Amino acid sequence: MSPNTEQILDSALALPAEAQLELIEALIADLDEANPEPLDDASMGEIQRRSAEYDAGLVRPIPWSEVIGHGRRREPSGD
Protein backbone atom coordinates (compact mmCIF):
# COMPACT_ATOMS: atom_id res chain seq x y z
CA MET A 1 0.00 0.00 0.00
CA SER A 2 1.40 3.39 -0.93
CA PRO A 3 2.06 5.95 1.83
CA ASN A 4 -0.66 8.18 0.37
CA THR A 5 -3.18 5.31 0.45
CA GLU A 6 -2.18 4.45 4.02
CA GLN A 7 -2.69 8.08 5.06
CA ILE A 8 -6.15 8.12 3.48
CA LEU A 9 -7.02 4.80 5.13
CA ASP A 10 -5.90 6.06 8.54
CA SER A 11 -8.04 9.18 8.09
CA ALA A 12 -11.03 7.10 6.99
CA LEU A 13 -10.69 4.75 9.97
CA ALA A 14 -10.78 7.77 12.30
CA LEU A 15 -14.22 8.74 11.00
CA PRO A 16 -17.43 7.80 12.85
CA ALA A 17 -19.05 4.57 11.62
CA GLU A 18 -21.81 6.43 9.74
CA ALA A 19 -19.24 8.50 7.82
CA GLN A 20 -17.22 5.37 7.06
CA LEU A 21 -20.32 3.76 5.53
CA GLU A 22 -20.98 6.84 3.43
CA LEU A 23 -17.38 6.78 2.20
CA ILE A 24 -17.58 3.08 1.34
CA GLU A 25 -20.82 3.59 -0.56
CA ALA A 26 -19.34 6.51 -2.52
CA LEU A 27 -16.21 4.53 -3.42
CA ILE A 28 -18.22 1.51 -4.56
CA ALA A 29 -20.60 3.67 -6.58
CA ASP A 30 -17.64 5.32 -8.30
CA LEU A 31 -16.08 1.94 -9.12
CA ASP A 32 -19.37 0.63 -10.46
CA GLU A 33 -19.68 3.63 -12.79
CA ALA A 34 -16.05 3.45 -13.92
CA ASN A 35 -15.97 -0.29 -14.59
CA PRO A 36 -19.44 -1.60 -15.36
CA GLU A 37 -19.53 -5.35 -15.75
CA PRO A 38 -21.23 -6.67 -18.87
CA LEU A 39 -24.54 -8.35 -18.18
CA ASP A 40 -25.18 -11.90 -19.28
CA ASP A 41 -28.46 -13.02 -20.87
CA ALA A 42 -29.87 -14.27 -17.56
CA SER A 43 -29.20 -10.93 -15.85
CA MET A 44 -30.75 -8.98 -18.71
CA GLY A 45 -33.79 -11.26 -18.61
CA GLU A 46 -34.20 -10.63 -14.88
CA ILE A 47 -33.92 -6.87 -15.38
CA GLN A 48 -36.53 -6.97 -18.13
CA ARG A 49 -38.87 -9.13 -16.00
CA ARG A 50 -38.61 -6.80 -13.02
CA SER A 51 -39.02 -3.71 -15.20
CA ALA A 52 -42.18 -5.20 -16.71
CA GLU A 53 -43.56 -5.91 -13.21
CA TYR A 54 -42.85 -2.33 -12.20
CA ASP A 55 -44.40 -0.92 -15.38
CA ALA A 56 -47.52 -3.04 -14.81
CA GLY A 57 -47.86 -1.75 -11.23
CA LEU A 58 -47.32 -5.19 -9.71
CA VAL A 59 -44.57 -4.09 -7.35
CA ARG A 60 -44.12 -1.11 -5.05
CA PRO A 61 -40.80 0.68 -5.44
CA ILE A 62 -38.81 1.23 -2.26
CA PRO A 63 -36.75 4.43 -1.93
CA TRP A 64 -32.99 3.81 -1.70
CA SER A 65 -32.86 5.70 1.63
CA GLU A 66 -35.30 3.15 3.08
CA VAL A 67 -33.36 0.17 1.69
CA ILE A 68 -29.99 1.39 2.98
CA GLY A 69 -31.50 2.34 6.33
CA HIS A 70 -32.95 -1.14 6.72
CA GLY A 71 -29.60 -2.70 5.83
CA ARG A 72 -27.79 -0.62 8.44
CA ARG A 73 -30.27 -1.61 11.16
CA ARG A 74 -29.99 -5.36 10.54
CA GLU A 75 -28.31 -7.47 13.13
CA PRO A 76 -25.35 -9.58 11.98
CA SER A 77 -26.57 -13.02 10.98
CA GLY A 78 -23.53 -14.77 12.40
CA ASP A 79 -22.86 -16.61 9.14
PDB file of N, CA and C in Angstrom:
ATOM      1  N   MET A   1       0.865  -1.170   0.000  1.00  0.00           N
ATOM      2  CA  MET A   1       0.000   0.000   0.000  1.00  0.00           C
ATOM      3  C   MET A   1       0.908   1.228   0.000  1.00  0.00           C
ATOM      4  N   SER A   2       0.583   2.174  -0.840  1.00  0.00           N
ATOM      5  CA  SER A   2       1.397   3.390  -0.927  1.00  0.00           C
ATOM      6  C   SER A   2       1.212   4.235   0.332  1.00  0.00           C
ATOM      7  N   PRO A   3       2.199   5.074   0.661  1.00  0.00           N
ATOM      8  CA  PRO A   3       2.058   5.949   1.834  1.00  0.00           C
ATOM      9  C   PRO A   3       0.824   6.849   1.738  1.00  0.00           C
ATOM     10  N   ASN A   4       0.520   7.330   0.545  1.00  0.00           N
ATOM     11  CA  ASN A   4      -0.659   8.180   0.369  1.00  0.00           C
ATOM     12  C   ASN A   4      -1.934   7.395   0.685  1.00  0.00           C
ATOM     13  N   THR A   5      -2.005   6.158   0.194  1.00  0.00           N
ATOM     14  CA  THR A   5      -3.176   5.313   0.453  1.00  0.00           C
ATOM     15  C   THR A   5      -3.288   5.000   1.937  1.00  0.00           C
ATOM     16  N   GLU A   6      -2.163   4.725   2.581  1.00  0.00           N
ATOM     17  CA  GLU A   6      -2.183   4.449   4.024  1.00  0.00           C
ATOM     18  C   GLU A   6      -2.669   5.660   4.813  1.00  0.00           C
ATOM     19  N   GLN A   7      -2.257   6.848   4.393  1.00  0.00           N
ATOM     20  CA  GLN A   7      -2.690   8.076   5.063  1.00  0.00           C
ATOM     21  C   GLN A   7      -4.205   8.259   4.914  1.00  0.00           C
ATOM     22  N   ILE A   8      -4.701   8.005   3.717  1.00  0.00           N
ATOM     23  CA  ILE A   8      -6.149   8.122   3.478  1.00  0.00           C
ATOM     24  C   ILE A   8      -6.895   7.084   4.304  1.00  0.00           C
ATOM     25  N   LEU A   9      -6.376   5.860   4.348  1.00  0.00           N
ATOM     26  CA  LEU A   9      -7.019   4.804   5.135  1.00  0.00           C
ATOM     27  C   LEU A   9      -7.050   5.176   6.611  1.00  0.00           C
ATOM     28  N   ASP A  10      -5.942   5.659   7.133  1.00  0.00           N
ATOM     29  CA  ASP A  10      -5.898   6.062   8.545  1.00  0.00           C
ATOM     30  C   ASP A  10      -6.941   7.146   8.829  1.00  0.00           C
ATOM     31  N   SER A  11      -7.047   8.112   7.920  1.00  0.00           N
ATOM     32  CA  SER A  11      -8.044   9.179   8.094  1.00  0.00           C
ATOM     33  C   SER A  11      -9.459   8.611   8.050  1.00  0.00           C
ATOM     34  N   ALA A  12      -9.696   7.694   7.126  1.00  0.00           N
ATOM     35  CA  ALA A  12     -11.027   7.099   6.994  1.00  0.00           C
ATOM     36  C   ALA A  12     -11.386   6.289   8.235  1.00  0.00           C
ATOM     37  N   LEU A  13     -10.425   5.566   8.781  1.00  0.00           N
ATOM     38  CA  LEU A  13     -10.692   4.755   9.971  1.00  0.00           C
ATOM     39  C   LEU A  13     -10.961   5.610  11.207  1.00  0.00           C
ATOM     40  N   ALA A  14     -10.528   6.859  11.186  1.00  0.00           N
ATOM     41  CA  ALA A  14     -10.779   7.765  12.303  1.00  0.00           C
ATOM     42  C   ALA A  14     -12.182   8.367  12.257  1.00  0.00           C
ATOM     43  N   LEU A  15     -12.867   8.198  11.144  1.00  0.00           N
ATOM     44  CA  LEU A  15     -14.220   8.739  10.998  1.00  0.00           C
ATOM     45  C   LEU A  15     -15.220   7.940  11.827  1.00  0.00           C
ATOM     46  N   PRO A  16     -16.342   8.560  12.203  1.00  0.00           N
ATOM     47  CA  PRO A  16     -17.426   7.800  12.854  1.00  0.00           C
ATOM     48  C   PRO A  16     -17.961   6.732  11.889  1.00  0.00           C
ATOM     49  N   ALA A  17     -18.574   5.702  12.424  1.00  0.00           N
ATOM     50  CA  ALA A  17     -19.055   4.574  11.617  1.00  0.00           C
ATOM     51  C   ALA A  17     -19.973   5.021  10.485  1.00  0.00           C
ATOM     52  N   GLU A  18     -20.865   5.959  10.766  1.00  0.00           N
ATOM     53  CA  GLU A  18     -21.806   6.433   9.739  1.00  0.00           C
ATOM     54  C   GLU A  18     -21.051   7.069   8.568  1.00  0.00           C
ATOM     55  N   ALA A  19     -20.037   7.858   8.870  1.00  0.00           N
ATOM     56  CA  ALA A  19     -19.241   8.499   7.824  1.00  0.00           C
ATOM     57  C   ALA A  19     -18.417   7.470   7.053  1.00  0.00           C
ATOM     58  N   GLN A  20     -17.950   6.447   7.743  1.00  0.00           N
ATOM     59  CA  GLN A  20     -17.217   5.375   7.055  1.00  0.00           C
ATOM     60  C   GLN A  20     -18.123   4.670   6.047  1.00  0.00           C
ATOM     61  N   LEU A  21     -19.365   4.397   6.449  1.00  0.00           N
ATOM     62  CA  LEU A  21     -20.318   3.758   5.533  1.00  0.00           C
ATOM     63  C   LEU A  21     -20.596   4.632   4.322  1.00  0.00           C
ATOM     64  N   GLU A  22     -20.752   5.922   4.548  1.00  0.00           N
ATOM     65  CA  GLU A  22     -20.978   6.844   3.428  1.00  0.00           C
ATOM     66  C   GLU A  22     -19.788   6.841   2.478  1.00  0.00           C
ATOM     67  N   LEU A  23     -18.592   6.814   3.019  1.00  0.00           N
ATOM     68  CA  LEU A  23     -17.378   6.779   2.197  1.00  0.00           C
ATOM     69  C   LEU A  23     -17.303   5.493   1.388  1.00  0.00           C
ATOM     70  N   ILE A  24     -17.589   4.378   2.033  1.00  0.00           N
ATOM     71  CA  ILE A  24     -17.575   3.082   1.343  1.00  0.00           C
ATOM     72  C   ILE A  24     -18.582   3.082   0.197  1.00  0.00           C
ATOM     73  N   GLU A  25     -19.789   3.553   0.471  1.00  0.00           N
ATOM     74  CA  GLU A  25     -20.825   3.594  -0.561  1.00  0.00           C
ATOM     75  C   GLU A  25     -20.393   4.463  -1.738  1.00  0.00           C
ATOM     76  N   ALA A  26     -19.783   5.607  -1.446  1.00  0.00           N
ATOM     77  CA  ALA A  26     -19.343   6.507  -2.515  1.00  0.00           C
ATOM     78  C   ALA A  26     -18.234   5.873  -3.345  1.00  0.00           C
ATOM     79  N   LEU A  27     -17.302   5.199  -2.693  1.00  0.00           N
ATOM     80  CA  LEU A  27     -16.214   4.533  -3.420  1.00  0.00           C
ATOM     81  C   LEU A  27     -16.742   3.409  -4.306  1.00  0.00           C
ATOM     82  N   ILE A  28     -17.648   2.612  -3.778  1.00  0.00           N
ATOM     83  CA  ILE A  28     -18.217   1.511  -4.556  1.00  0.00           C
ATOM     84  C   ILE A  28     -19.016   2.045  -5.734  1.00  0.00           C
ATOM     85  N   ALA A  29     -19.798   3.076  -5.499  1.00  0.00           N
ATOM     86  CA  ALA A  29     -20.596   3.666  -6.583  1.00  0.00           C
ATOM     87  C   ALA A  29     -19.682   4.182  -7.685  1.00  0.00           C
ATOM     88  N   ASP A  30     -18.576   4.802  -7.304  1.00  0.00           N
ATOM     89  CA  ASP A  30     -17.640   5.321  -8.301  1.00  0.00           C
ATOM     90  C   ASP A  30     -17.010   4.183  -9.091  1.00  0.00           C
ATOM     91  N   LEU A  31     -16.650   3.095  -8.421  1.00  0.00           N
ATOM     92  CA  LEU A  31     -16.080   1.940  -9.121  1.00  0.00           C
ATOM     93  C   LEU A  31     -17.090   1.327 -10.076  1.00  0.00           C
ATOM     94  N   ASP A  32     -18.333   1.207  -9.621  1.00  0.00           N
ATOM     95  CA  ASP A  32     -19.374   0.633 -10.461  1.00  0.00           C
ATOM     96  C   ASP A  32     -19.567   1.444 -11.735  1.00  0.00           C
ATOM     97  N   GLU A  33     -19.502   2.773 -11.621  1.00  0.00           N
ATOM     98  CA  GLU A  33     -19.677   3.632 -12.785  1.00  0.00           C
ATOM     99  C   GLU A  33     -18.463   3.574 -13.712  1.00  0.00           C
ATOM    100  N   ALA A  34     -17.278   3.441 -13.131  1.00  0.00           N
ATOM    101  CA  ALA A  34     -16.049   3.452 -13.922  1.00  0.00           C
ATOM    102  C   ALA A  34     -15.811   2.128 -14.645  1.00  0.00           C
ATOM    103  N   ASN A  35     -16.244   1.033 -14.042  1.00  0.00           N
ATOM    104  CA  ASN A  35     -15.974  -0.294 -14.594  1.00  0.00           C
ATOM    105  C   ASN A  35     -17.228  -1.160 -14.601  1.00  0.00           C
ATOM    106  N   PRO A  36     -18.227  -0.784 -15.367  1.00  0.00           N
ATOM    107  CA  PRO A  36     -19.444  -1.603 -15.362  1.00  0.00           C
ATOM    108  C   PRO A  36     -19.164  -2.990 -15.939  1.00  0.00           C
ATOM    109  N   GLU A  37     -19.697  -3.983 -15.267  1.00  0.00           N
ATOM    110  CA  GLU A  37     -19.535  -5.351 -15.753  1.00  0.00           C
ATOM    111  C   GLU A  37     -20.602  -5.625 -16.802  1.00  0.00           C
ATOM    112  N   PRO A  38     -20.216  -6.316 -17.867  1.00  0.00           N
ATOM    113  CA  PRO A  38     -21.231  -6.666 -18.870  1.00  0.00           C
ATOM    114  C   PRO A  38     -22.251  -7.634 -18.265  1.00  0.00           C
ATOM    115  N   LEU A  39     -23.476  -7.496 -18.696  1.00  0.00           N
ATOM    116  CA  LEU A  39     -24.539  -8.351 -18.180  1.00  0.00           C
ATOM    117  C   LEU A  39     -24.734  -9.555 -19.098  1.00  0.00           C
ATOM    118  N   ASP A  40     -24.903 -10.714 -18.484  1.00  0.00           N
ATOM    119  CA  ASP A  40     -25.177 -11.900 -19.281  1.00  0.00           C
ATOM    120  C   ASP A  40     -26.672 -11.957 -19.615  1.00  0.00           C
ATOM    121  N   ASP A  41     -27.061 -12.916 -20.436  1.00  0.00           N
ATOM    122  CA  ASP A  41     -28.458 -13.024 -20.873  1.00  0.00           C
ATOM    123  C   ASP A  41     -29.420 -13.227 -19.704  1.00  0.00           C
ATOM    124  N   ALA A  42     -28.993 -14.019 -18.706  1.00  0.00           N
ATOM    125  CA  ALA A  42     -29.867 -14.271 -17.556  1.00  0.00           C
ATOM    126  C   ALA A  42     -30.109 -12.982 -16.766  1.00  0.00           C
ATOM    127  N   SER A  43     -29.054 -12.194 -16.577  1.00  0.00           N
ATOM    128  CA  SER A  43     -29.201 -10.932 -15.847  1.00  0.00           C
ATOM    129  C   SER A  43     -30.099  -9.963 -16.604  1.00  0.00           C
ATOM    130  N   MET A  44     -29.903  -9.864 -17.899  1.00  0.00           N
ATOM    131  CA  MET A  44     -30.748  -8.981 -18.707  1.00  0.00           C
ATOM    132  C   MET A  44     -32.204  -9.431 -18.659  1.00  0.00           C
ATOM    133  N   GLY A  45     -32.427 -10.737 -18.702  1.00  0.00           N
ATOM    134  CA  GLY A  45     -33.787 -11.261 -18.607  1.00  0.00           C
ATOM    135  C   GLY A  45     -34.443 -10.895 -17.288  1.00  0.00           C
ATOM    136  N   GLU A  46     -33.676 -10.979 -16.204  1.00  0.00           N
ATOM    137  CA  GLU A  46     -34.201 -10.629 -14.885  1.00  0.00           C
ATOM    138  C   GLU A  46     -34.530  -9.142 -14.813  1.00  0.00           C
ATOM    139  N   ILE A  47     -33.669  -8.311 -15.358  1.00  0.00           N
ATOM    140  CA  ILE A  47     -33.916  -6.869 -15.378  1.00  0.00           C
ATOM    141  C   ILE A  47     -35.192  -6.564 -16.166  1.00  0.00           C
ATOM    142  N   GLN A  48     -35.338  -7.201 -17.305  1.00  0.00           N
ATOM    143  CA  GLN A  48     -36.529  -6.969 -18.131  1.00  0.00           C
ATOM    144  C   GLN A  48     -37.791  -7.449 -17.427  1.00  0.00           C
ATOM    145  N   ARG A  49     -37.711  -8.598 -16.737  1.00  0.00           N
ATOM    146  CA  ARG A  49     -38.866  -9.128 -16.004  1.00  0.00           C
ATOM    147  C   ARG A  49     -39.272  -8.164 -14.892  1.00  0.00           C
ATOM    148  N   ARG A  50     -38.296  -7.702 -14.129  1.00  0.00           N
ATOM    149  CA  ARG A  50     -38.608  -6.796 -13.018  1.00  0.00           C
ATOM    150  C   ARG A  50     -39.120  -5.450 -13.528  1.00  0.00           C
ATOM    151  N   SER A  51     -38.554  -4.973 -14.615  1.00  0.00           N
ATOM    152  CA  SER A  51     -39.024  -3.710 -15.202  1.00  0.00           C
ATOM    153  C   SER A  51     -40.472  -3.842 -15.658  1.00  0.00           C
ATOM    154  N   ALA A  52     -40.811  -4.976 -16.250  1.00  0.00           N
ATOM    155  CA  ALA A  52     -42.183  -5.203 -16.710  1.00  0.00           C
ATOM    156  C   ALA A  52     -43.140  -5.242 -15.519  1.00  0.00           C
ATOM    157  N   GLU A  53     -42.733  -5.884 -14.415  1.00  0.00           N
ATOM    158  CA  GLU A  53     -43.565  -5.913 -13.210  1.00  0.00           C
ATOM    159  C   GLU A  53     -43.792  -4.502 -12.669  1.00  0.00           C
ATOM    160  N   TYR A  54     -42.730  -3.706 -12.660  1.00  0.00           N
ATOM    161  CA  TYR A  54     -42.846  -2.325 -12.195  1.00  0.00           C
ATOM    162  C   TYR A  54     -43.783  -1.534 -13.102  1.00  0.00           C
ATOM    163  N   ASP A  55     -43.570  -1.645 -14.418  1.00  0.00           N
ATOM    164  CA  ASP A  55     -44.396  -0.919 -15.381  1.00  0.00           C
ATOM    165  C   ASP A  55     -45.866  -1.302 -15.271  1.00  0.00           C
ATOM    166  N   ALA A  56     -46.142  -2.561 -14.931  1.00  0.00           N
ATOM    167  CA  ALA A  56     -47.517  -3.037 -14.809  1.00  0.00           C
ATOM    168  C   ALA A  56     -48.134  -2.700 -13.449  1.00  0.00           C
ATOM    169  N   GLY A  57     -47.338  -2.111 -12.550  1.00  0.00           N
ATOM    170  CA  GLY A  57     -47.863  -1.752 -11.233  1.00  0.00           C
ATOM    171  C   GLY A  57     -47.979  -2.925 -10.285  1.00  0.00           C
ATOM    172  N   LEU A  58     -47.238  -3.999 -10.546  1.00  0.00           N
ATOM    173  CA  LEU A  58     -47.322  -5.194  -9.707  1.00  0.00           C
ATOM    174  C   LEU A  58     -46.414  -5.143  -8.486  1.00  0.00           C
ATOM    175  N   VAL A  59     -45.486  -4.214  -8.480  1.00  0.00           N
ATOM    176  CA  VAL A  59     -44.568  -4.088  -7.348  1.00  0.00           C
ATOM    177  C   VAL A  59     -44.535  -2.635  -6.892  1.00  0.00           C
ATOM    178  N   ARG A  60     -44.227  -2.450  -5.615  1.00  0.00           N
ATOM    179  CA  ARG A  60     -44.117  -1.107  -5.049  1.00  0.00           C
ATOM    180  C   ARG A  60     -42.636  -0.771  -4.932  1.00  0.00           C
ATOM    181  N   PRO A  61     -42.202   0.308  -5.567  1.00  0.00           N
ATOM    182  CA  PRO A  61     -40.798   0.682  -5.442  1.00  0.00           C
ATOM    183  C   PRO A  61     -40.478   1.120  -4.014  1.00  0.00           C
ATOM    184  N   ILE A  62     -39.257   0.851  -3.596  1.00  0.00           N
ATOM    185  CA  ILE A  62     -38.806   1.233  -2.264  1.00  0.00           C
ATOM    186  C   ILE A  62     -37.687   2.255  -2.436  1.00  0.00           C
ATOM    187  N   PRO A  63     -37.806   3.420  -1.809  1.00  0.00           N
ATOM    188  CA  PRO A  63     -36.747   4.425  -1.927  1.00  0.00           C
ATOM    189  C   PRO A  63     -35.413   3.890  -1.416  1.00  0.00           C
ATOM    190  N   TRP A  64     -34.316   4.282  -2.086  1.00  0.00           N
ATOM    191  CA  TRP A  64     -32.988   3.811  -1.696  1.00  0.00           C
ATOM    192  C   TRP A  64     -32.696   4.151  -0.236  1.00  0.00           C
ATOM    193  N   SER A  65     -33.123   5.314   0.239  1.00  0.00           N
ATOM    194  CA  SER A  65     -32.861   5.697   1.629  1.00  0.00           C
ATOM    195  C   SER A  65     -33.492   4.698   2.598  1.00  0.00           C
ATOM    196  N   GLU A  66     -34.641   4.154   2.231  1.00  0.00           N
ATOM    197  CA  GLU A  66     -35.299   3.150   3.080  1.00  0.00           C
ATOM    198  C   GLU A  66     -34.545   1.817   3.023  1.00  0.00           C
ATOM    199  N   VAL A  67     -34.097   1.436   1.853  1.00  0.00           N
ATOM    200  CA  VAL A  67     -33.358   0.174   1.693  1.00  0.00           C
ATOM    201  C   VAL A  67     -32.065   0.220   2.488  1.00  0.00           C
ATOM    202  N   ILE A  68     -31.279   1.285   2.300  1.00  0.00           N
ATOM    203  CA  ILE A  68     -29.988   1.385   2.976  1.00  0.00           C
ATOM    204  C   ILE A  68     -30.179   1.519   4.482  1.00  0.00           C
ATOM    205  N   GLY A  69     -31.219   2.222   4.906  1.00  0.00           N
ATOM    206  CA  GLY A  69     -31.500   2.339   6.330  1.00  0.00           C
ATOM    207  C   GLY A  69     -31.843   1.000   6.952  1.00  0.00           C
ATOM    208  N   HIS A  70     -32.606   0.197   6.229  1.00  0.00           N
ATOM    209  CA  HIS A  70     -32.954  -1.136   6.718  1.00  0.00           C
ATOM    210  C   HIS A  70     -31.706  -1.999   6.820  1.00  0.00           C
ATOM    211  N   GLY A  71     -30.833  -1.911   5.827  1.00  0.00           N
ATOM    212  CA  GLY A  71     -29.604  -2.703   5.831  1.00  0.00           C
ATOM    213  C   GLY A  71     -28.690  -2.337   6.988  1.00  0.00           C
ATOM    214  N   ARG A  72     -28.642  -1.063   7.336  1.00  0.00           N
ATOM    215  CA  ARG A  72     -27.790  -0.620   8.439  1.00  0.00           C
ATOM    216  C   ARG A  72     -28.344  -1.032   9.786  1.00  0.00           C
ATOM    217  N   ARG A  73     -29.650  -1.233   9.885  1.00  0.00           N
ATOM    218  CA  ARG A  73     -30.271  -1.608  11.163  1.00  0.00           C
ATOM    219  C   ARG A  73     -30.238  -3.099  11.411  1.00  0.00           C
ATOM    220  N   ARG A  74     -29.958  -3.896  10.379  1.00  0.00           N
ATOM    221  CA  ARG A  74     -29.989  -5.360  10.538  1.00  0.00           C
ATOM    222  C   ARG A  74     -28.923  -5.830  11.495  1.00  0.00           C
ATOM    223  N   GLU A  75     -29.276  -6.838  12.239  1.00  0.00           N
ATOM    224  CA  GLU A  75     -28.314  -7.472  13.132  1.00  0.00           C
ATOM    225  C   GLU A  75     -27.458  -8.425  12.317  1.00  0.00           C
ATOM    226  N   PRO A  76     -26.192  -8.592  12.680  1.00  0.00           N
ATOM    227  CA  PRO A  76     -25.353  -9.581  11.980  1.00  0.00           C
ATOM    228  C   PRO A  76     -25.965 -10.966  12.097  1.00  0.00           C
ATOM    229  N   SER A  77     -25.935 -11.708  10.990  1.00  0.00           N
ATOM    230  CA  SER A  77     -26.572 -13.023  10.978  1.00  0.00           C
ATOM    231  C   SER A  77     -25.701 -14.094  11.622  1.00  0.00           C
ATOM    232  N   GLY A  78     -24.403 -13.792  11.794  1.00  0.00           N
ATOM    233  CA  GLY A  78     -23.531 -14.770  12.403  1.00  0.00           C
ATOM    234  C   GLY A  78     -23.076 -15.844  11.451  1.00  0.00           C
ATOM    235  N   ASP A  79     -23.280 -15.617  10.138  1.00  0.00           N
ATOM    236  CA  ASP A  79     -22.856 -16.608   9.143  1.00  0.00           C
ATOM    237  C   ASP A  79     -21.361 -16.656   9.030  1.00  0.00           C
TER     238      ASP A  79
END
